[in-house]
Amino acid sequence: MSDWLPVIIVGFAIALVLGPVMWLKPNARDSRLADLRSRAAQAGITVQIQALPVALGDGTAAVYYHRWQNRKGLSVGWVLDKQRIEHELNFSGVWDWADGQPAPQGAWKYLRELLERIPRDACAITATPVGLGIQWPESGGNQAFQKLMASLDEYTPLIEEAIRKVSSRAATEGLS
């Protein structure tokens, strides 16, 4: 027994060192999310974690923001949330405005098209001073990620122009 005591002590010491190191190693899900967010950052997309829309309950999901080309004069602050049930009074199917504040009507056509193209599990579309964001639980793998990125690339410039406020001077010049 005394011959085995040093081996047992060394084995125990190795376990004490390797145990915490193994806990620090990211799991497969964390590695996948880090890869998605890294690829988004390389494409100029900002990712923030935010609370889910009220209708979807507690929890959080990532919001992928495509930055505006020119932030000045945009009508932002509106959010299009996914609702629990589809209703004819909603903006489009299960999608409706949070807090009753809609986007400018000129953007509605593009928003309806965008809703058809984003991943099915997307939770919200939001316009902030940062840019146009799509809240998504980062599921669906690479195909859903590519769909999200392509949708943001295509529709952000269109929505940006549709929500640009026309200055009162430019409006009166157009009437002359």
C-alpha atoms as a PDB file:
ATOM      1  CA  MET A   1       0.000   0.000   0.000  1.00  0.00           C
ATOM      2  CA  SER A   2       2.804   2.418   0.825  1.00  0.00           C
ATOM      3  CA  ASP A   3       4.192   1.922  -2.713  1.00  0.00           C
ATOM      4  CA  TRP A   4       0.926   3.203  -4.183  1.00  0.00           C
ATOM      5  CA  LEU A   5       0.597   6.265  -1.939  1.00  0.00           C
ATOM      6  CA  PRO A   6       2.859   8.559  -4.068  1.00  0.00           C
ATOM      7  CA  VAL A   7       1.016   7.492  -7.242  1.00  0.00           C
ATOM      8  CA  ILE A   8      -2.347   8.249  -5.637  1.00  0.00           C
ATOM      9  CA  ILE A   9      -1.127  11.651  -4.412  1.00  0.00           C
ATOM     10  CA  VAL A  10       0.261  12.575  -7.870  1.00  0.00           C
ATOM     11  CA  GLY A  11      -2.975  11.414  -9.541  1.00  0.00           C
ATOM     12  CA  PHE A  12      -5.027  13.484  -7.102  1.00  0.00           C
ATOM     13  CA  ALA A  13      -2.818  16.554  -7.705  1.00  0.00           C
ATOM     14  CA  ILE A  14      -3.232  16.201 -11.491  1.00  0.00           C
ATOM     15  CA  ALA A  15      -7.003  15.937 -11.080  1.00  0.00           C
ATOM     16  CA  LEU A  16      -6.998  19.100  -8.932  1.00  0.00           C
ATOM     17  CA  VAL A  17      -5.162  21.004 -11.682  1.00  0.00           C
ATOM     18  CA  LEU A  18      -7.044  19.630 -14.718  1.00  0.00           C
ATOM     19  CA  GLY A  19     -10.549  19.788 -13.208  1.00  0.00           C
ATOM     20  CA  PRO A  20     -10.908  23.582 -13.204  1.00  0.00           C
ATOM     21  CA  VAL A  21      -9.204  23.832 -16.600  1.00  0.00           C
ATOM     22  CA  MET A  22     -11.817  21.512 -18.115  1.00  0.00           C
ATOM     23  CA  TRP A  23     -14.606  23.640 -16.628  1.00  0.00           C
ATOM     24  CA  LEU A  24     -13.222  26.698 -18.451  1.00  0.00           C
ATOM     25  CA  LYS A  25     -13.315  24.965 -21.822  1.00  0.00           C
ATOM     26  CA  PRO A  26     -16.346  26.199 -23.830  1.00  0.00           C
ATOM     27  CA  ASN A  27     -18.985  23.648 -24.729  1.00  0.00           C
ATOM     28  CA  ALA A  28     -20.125  23.028 -28.319  1.00  0.00           C
ATOM     29  CA  ARG A  29     -23.013  25.533 -28.105  1.00  0.00           C
ATOM     30  CA  ASP A  30     -20.777  28.307 -26.756  1.00  0.00           C
ATOM     31  CA  SER A  31     -18.232  27.648 -29.502  1.00  0.00           C
ATOM     32  CA  ARG A  32     -20.964  27.776 -32.170  1.00  0.00           C
ATOM     33  CA  LEU A  33     -22.338  31.078 -30.824  1.00  0.00           C
ATOM     34  CA  ALA A  34     -18.859  32.572 -30.644  1.00  0.00           C
ATOM     35  CA  ASP A  35     -18.292  31.581 -34.280  1.00  0.00           C
ATOM     36  CA  LEU A  36     -21.606  33.149 -35.411  1.00  0.00           C
ATOM     37  CA  ARG A  37     -20.919  36.382 -33.549  1.00  0.00           C
ATOM     38  CA  SER A  38     -17.360  36.555 -34.819  1.00  0.00           C
ATOM     39  CA  ARG A  39     -18.542  36.133 -38.407  1.00  0.00           C
ATOM     40  CA  ALA A  40     -21.180  38.804 -37.855  1.00  0.00           C
ATOM     41  CA  ALA A  41     -18.585  41.217 -36.450  1.00  0.00           C
ATOM     42  CA  GLN A  42     -16.342  40.619 -39.468  1.00  0.00           C
ATOM     43  CA  ALA A  43     -19.296  41.611 -41.673  1.00  0.00           C
ATOM     44  CA  GLY A  44     -19.796  44.843 -39.676  1.00  0.00           C
ATOM     45  CA  ILE A  45     -22.805  43.581 -37.720  1.00  0.00           C
ATOM     46  CA  THR A  46     -23.140  44.537 -34.037  1.00  0.00           C
ATOM     47  CA  VAL A  47     -24.577  41.851 -31.734  1.00  0.00           C
ATOM     48  CA  GLN A  48     -26.307  42.668 -28.438  1.00  0.00           C
ATOM     49  CA  ILE A  49     -28.205  40.429 -26.044  1.00  0.00           C
ATOM     50  CA  GLN A  50     -31.673  41.738 -25.149  1.00  0.00           C
ATOM     51  CA  ALA A  51     -34.827  40.540 -23.412  1.00  0.00           C
ATOM     52  CA  LEU A  52     -37.341  38.654 -25.527  1.00  0.00           C
ATOM     53  CA  PRO A  53     -40.554  40.422 -26.577  1.00  0.00           C
ATOM     54  CA  VAL A  54     -43.125  40.409 -23.767  1.00  0.00           C
ATOM     55  CA  ALA A  55     -45.448  38.039 -25.654  1.00  0.00           C
ATOM     56  CA  LEU A  56     -42.714  35.397 -25.818  1.00  0.00           C
ATOM     57  CA  GLY A  57     -42.054  35.309 -22.080  1.00  0.00           C
ATOM     58  CA  ASP A  58     -38.860  35.512 -20.077  1.00  0.00           C
ATOM     59  CA  GLY A  59     -35.413  35.038 -21.520  1.00  0.00           C
ATOM     60  CA  THR A  60     -33.014  36.725 -23.883  1.00  0.00           C
ATOM     61  CA  ALA A  61     -31.885  36.469 -27.478  1.00  0.00           C
ATOM     62  CA  ALA A  62     -29.239  38.151 -29.593  1.00  0.00           C
ATOM     63  CA  VAL A  63     -30.076  41.175 -31.724  1.00  0.00           C
ATOM     64  CA  TYR A  64     -28.007  41.467 -34.893  1.00  0.00           C
ATOM     65  CA  TYR A  65     -27.728  45.164 -35.898  1.00  0.00           C
ATOM     66  CA  HIS A  66     -26.813  46.297 -39.398  1.00  0.00           C
ATOM     67  CA  ARG A  67     -25.569  49.866 -39.016  1.00  0.00           C
ATOM     68  CA  TRP A  68     -27.213  52.726 -40.862  1.00  0.00           C
ATOM     69  CA  GLN A  69     -25.186  54.419 -43.601  1.00  0.00           C
ATOM     70  CA  ASN A  70     -26.303  57.876 -42.402  1.00  0.00           C
ATOM     71  CA  ARG A  71     -27.941  58.048 -38.967  1.00  0.00           C
ATOM     72  CA  LYS A  72     -29.124  61.655 -39.284  1.00  0.00           C
ATOM     73  CA  GLY A  73     -32.804  62.326 -39.718  1.00  0.00           C
ATOM     74  CA  LEU A  74     -34.096  58.786 -39.230  1.00  0.00           C
ATOM     75  CA  SER A  75     -37.387  57.962 -37.533  1.00  0.00           C
ATOM     76  CA  VAL A  76     -36.180  55.271 -35.128  1.00  0.00           C
ATOM     77  CA  GLY A  77     -37.439  53.860 -31.830  1.00  0.00           C
ATOM     78  CA  TRP A  78     -40.029  51.469 -33.256  1.00  0.00           C
ATOM     79  CA  VAL A  79     -40.084  47.726 -32.680  1.00  0.00           C
ATOM     80  CA  LEU A  80     -41.965  45.026 -34.542  1.00  0.00           C
ATOM     81  CA  ASP A  81     -42.462  42.102 -32.114  1.00  0.00           C
ATOM     82  CA  LYS A  82     -43.587  38.545 -32.683  1.00  0.00           C
ATOM     83  CA  GLN A  83     -46.874  37.897 -30.873  1.00  0.00           C
ATOM     84  CA  ARG A  84     -48.208  34.649 -29.419  1.00  0.00           C
ATOM     85  CA  ILE A  85     -51.073  34.346 -31.875  1.00  0.00           C
ATOM     86  CA  GLU A  86     -51.818  35.456 -35.401  1.00  0.00           C
ATOM     87  CA  HIS A  87     -54.512  38.109 -35.589  1.00  0.00           C
ATOM     88  CA  GLU A  88     -55.956  40.228 -38.363  1.00  0.00           C
ATOM     89  CA  LEU A  89     -55.395  43.373 -36.276  1.00  0.00           C
ATOM     90  CA  ASN A  90     -51.628  42.709 -36.171  1.00  0.00           C
ATOM     91  CA  PHE A  91     -49.316  44.418 -38.636  1.00  0.00           C
ATOM     92  CA  SER A  92     -48.605  41.152 -40.436  1.00  0.00           C
ATOM     93  CA  GLY A  93     -49.668  37.707 -39.208  1.00  0.00           C
ATOM     94  CA  VAL A  94     -48.069  37.218 -35.788  1.00  0.00           C
ATOM     95  CA  TRP A  95     -46.092  40.476 -36.015  1.00  0.00           C
ATOM     96  CA  ASP A  96     -47.253  43.712 -34.404  1.00  0.00           C
ATOM     97  CA  TRP A  97     -45.849  47.010 -33.137  1.00  0.00           C
ATOM     98  CA  ALA A  98     -44.494  47.158 -29.593  1.00  0.00           C
ATOM     99  CA  ASP A  99     -46.047  49.945 -27.519  1.00  0.00           C
ATOM    100  CA  GLY A 100     -48.256  50.902 -30.476  1.00  0.00           C
ATOM    101  CA  GLN A 101     -45.477  52.951 -32.097  1.00  0.00           C
ATOM    102  CA  PRO A 102     -45.258  51.946 -35.772  1.00  0.00           C
ATOM    103  CA  ALA A 103     -42.515  52.584 -38.275  1.00  0.00           C
ATOM    104  CA  PRO A 104     -43.187  55.255 -40.886  1.00  0.00           C
ATOM    105  CA  GLN A 105     -45.683  53.901 -43.391  1.00  0.00           C
ATOM    106  CA  GLY A 106     -43.172  54.163 -46.239  1.00  0.00           C
ATOM    107  CA  ALA A 107     -41.213  51.293 -44.664  1.00  0.00           C
ATOM    108  CA  TRP A 108     -44.158  48.909 -44.293  1.00  0.00           C
ATOM    109  CA  LYS A 109     -43.761  47.326 -47.717  1.00  0.00           C
ATOM    110  CA  TYR A 110     -40.099  46.526 -47.034  1.00  0.00           C
ATOM    111  CA  LEU A 111     -40.841  45.293 -43.522  1.00  0.00           C
ATOM    112  CA  ARG A 112     -43.465  42.858 -44.822  1.00  0.00           C
ATOM    113  CA  GLU A 113     -40.977  41.561 -47.404  1.00  0.00           C
ATOM    114  CA  LEU A 114     -38.287  41.288 -44.717  1.00  0.00           C
ATOM    115  CA  LEU A 115     -40.624  39.246 -42.503  1.00  0.00           C
ATOM    116  CA  GLU A 116     -40.906  36.700 -45.322  1.00  0.00           C
ATOM    117  CA  ARG A 117     -37.117  36.324 -45.606  1.00  0.00           C
ATOM    118  CA  ILE A 118     -35.762  36.248 -42.069  1.00  0.00           C
ATOM    119  CA  PRO A 119     -35.393  32.975 -40.141  1.00  0.00           C
ATOM    120  CA  ARG A 120     -38.720  31.653 -38.873  1.00  0.00           C
ATOM    121  CA  ASP A 121     -37.608  31.830 -35.240  1.00  0.00           C
ATOM    122  CA  ALA A 122     -36.724  35.544 -35.356  1.00  0.00           C
ATOM    123  CA  CYS A 123     -38.431  37.402 -32.491  1.00  0.00           C
ATOM    124  CA  ALA A 124     -38.315  41.119 -33.300  1.00  0.00           C
ATOM    125  CA  ILE A 125     -37.229  43.769 -35.772  1.00  0.00           C
ATOM    126  CA  THR A 126     -36.087  47.025 -34.253  1.00  0.00           C
ATOM    127  CA  ALA A 127     -34.839  50.396 -35.455  1.00  0.00           C
ATOM    128  CA  THR A 128     -32.477  52.187 -33.083  1.00  0.00           C
ATOM    129  CA  PRO A 129     -29.902  54.920 -33.584  1.00  0.00           C
ATOM    130  CA  VAL A 130     -27.366  52.078 -34.015  1.00  0.00           C
ATOM    131  CA  GLY A 131     -29.140  50.472 -36.972  1.00  0.00           C
ATOM    132  CA  LEU A 132     -31.749  47.983 -38.063  1.00  0.00           C
ATOM    133  CA  GLY A 133     -31.769  44.959 -35.763  1.00  0.00           C
ATOM    134  CA  ILE A 134     -33.241  41.494 -35.944  1.00  0.00           C
ATOM    135  CA  GLN A 135     -33.627  39.587 -32.691  1.00  0.00           C
ATOM    136  CA  TRP A 136     -32.887  35.925 -33.211  1.00  0.00           C
ATOM    137  CA  PRO A 137     -32.250  33.032 -30.782  1.00  0.00           C
ATOM    138  CA  GLU A 138     -29.240  31.949 -32.896  1.00  0.00           C
ATOM    139  CA  SER A 139     -30.727  28.605 -33.835  1.00  0.00           C
ATOM    140  CA  GLY A 140     -31.089  26.975 -37.226  1.00  0.00           C
ATOM    141  CA  GLY A 141     -27.386  26.703 -37.916  1.00  0.00           C
ATOM    142  CA  ASN A 142     -25.400  28.210 -40.755  1.00  0.00           C
ATOM    143  CA  GLN A 143     -28.348  28.288 -43.166  1.00  0.00           C
ATOM    144  CA  ALA A 144     -30.433  30.480 -40.825  1.00  0.00           C
ATOM    145  CA  PHE A 145     -27.408  32.692 -40.137  1.00  0.00           C
ATOM    146  CA  GLN A 146     -26.806  33.225 -43.866  1.00  0.00           C
ATOM    147  CA  LYS A 147     -30.502  34.006 -44.351  1.00  0.00           C
ATOM    148  CA  LEU A 148     -30.374  36.586 -41.535  1.00  0.00           C
ATOM    149  CA  MET A 149     -27.231  38.243 -42.880  1.00  0.00           C
ATOM    150  CA  ALA A 150     -28.538  38.415 -46.458  1.00  0.00           C
ATOM    151  CA  SER A 151     -31.841  39.882 -45.249  1.00  0.00           C
ATOM    152  CA  LEU A 152     -30.095  42.598 -43.237  1.00  0.00           C
ATOM    153  CA  ASP A 153     -27.778  43.448 -46.143  1.00  0.00           C
ATOM    154  CA  GLU A 154     -30.637  43.751 -48.601  1.00  0.00           C
ATOM    155  CA  TYR A 155     -33.286  45.511 -46.523  1.00  0.00           C
ATOM    156  CA  THR A 156     -31.370  47.873 -44.227  1.00  0.00           C
ATOM    157  CA  PRO A 157     -30.626  50.432 -46.988  1.00  0.00           C
ATOM    158  CA  LEU A 158     -34.217  50.261 -48.274  1.00  0.00           C
ATOM    159  CA  ILE A 159     -35.734  50.724 -44.818  1.00  0.00           C
ATOM    160  CA  GLU A 160     -33.199  53.435 -43.985  1.00  0.00           C
ATOM    161  CA  GLU A 161     -34.372  55.564 -46.893  1.00  0.00           C
ATOM    162  CA  ALA A 162     -38.022  54.832 -46.125  1.00  0.00           C
ATOM    163  CA  ILE A 163     -37.706  56.058 -42.521  1.00  0.00           C
ATOM    164  CA  ARG A 164     -35.653  59.163 -43.306  1.00  0.00           C
ATOM    165  CA  LYS A 165     -37.500  62.254 -42.119  1.00  0.00           C
ATOM    166  CA  VAL A 166     -37.991  64.883 -44.777  1.00  0.00           C
ATOM    167  CA  SER A 167     -37.009  68.293 -43.490  1.00  0.00           C
ATOM    168  CA  SER A 168     -39.747  70.921 -43.611  1.00  0.00           C
ATOM    169  CA  ARG A 169     -37.638  73.046 -45.990  1.00  0.00           C
ATOM    170  CA  ALA A 170     -37.205  70.179 -48.444  1.00  0.00           C
ATOM    171  CA  ALA A 171     -40.931  69.447 -48.242  1.00  0.00           C
ATOM    172  CA  THR A 172     -41.875  73.036 -49.048  1.00  0.00           C
ATOM    173  CA  GLU A 173     -39.348  73.184 -51.901  1.00  0.00           C
ATOM    174  CA  GLY A 174     -40.989  70.115 -53.400  1.00  0.00           C
ATOM    175  CA  LEU A 175     -44.335  71.908 -53.393  1.00  0.00           C
ATOM    176  CA  SER A 176     -43.062  74.959 -55.287  1.00  0.00           C
END
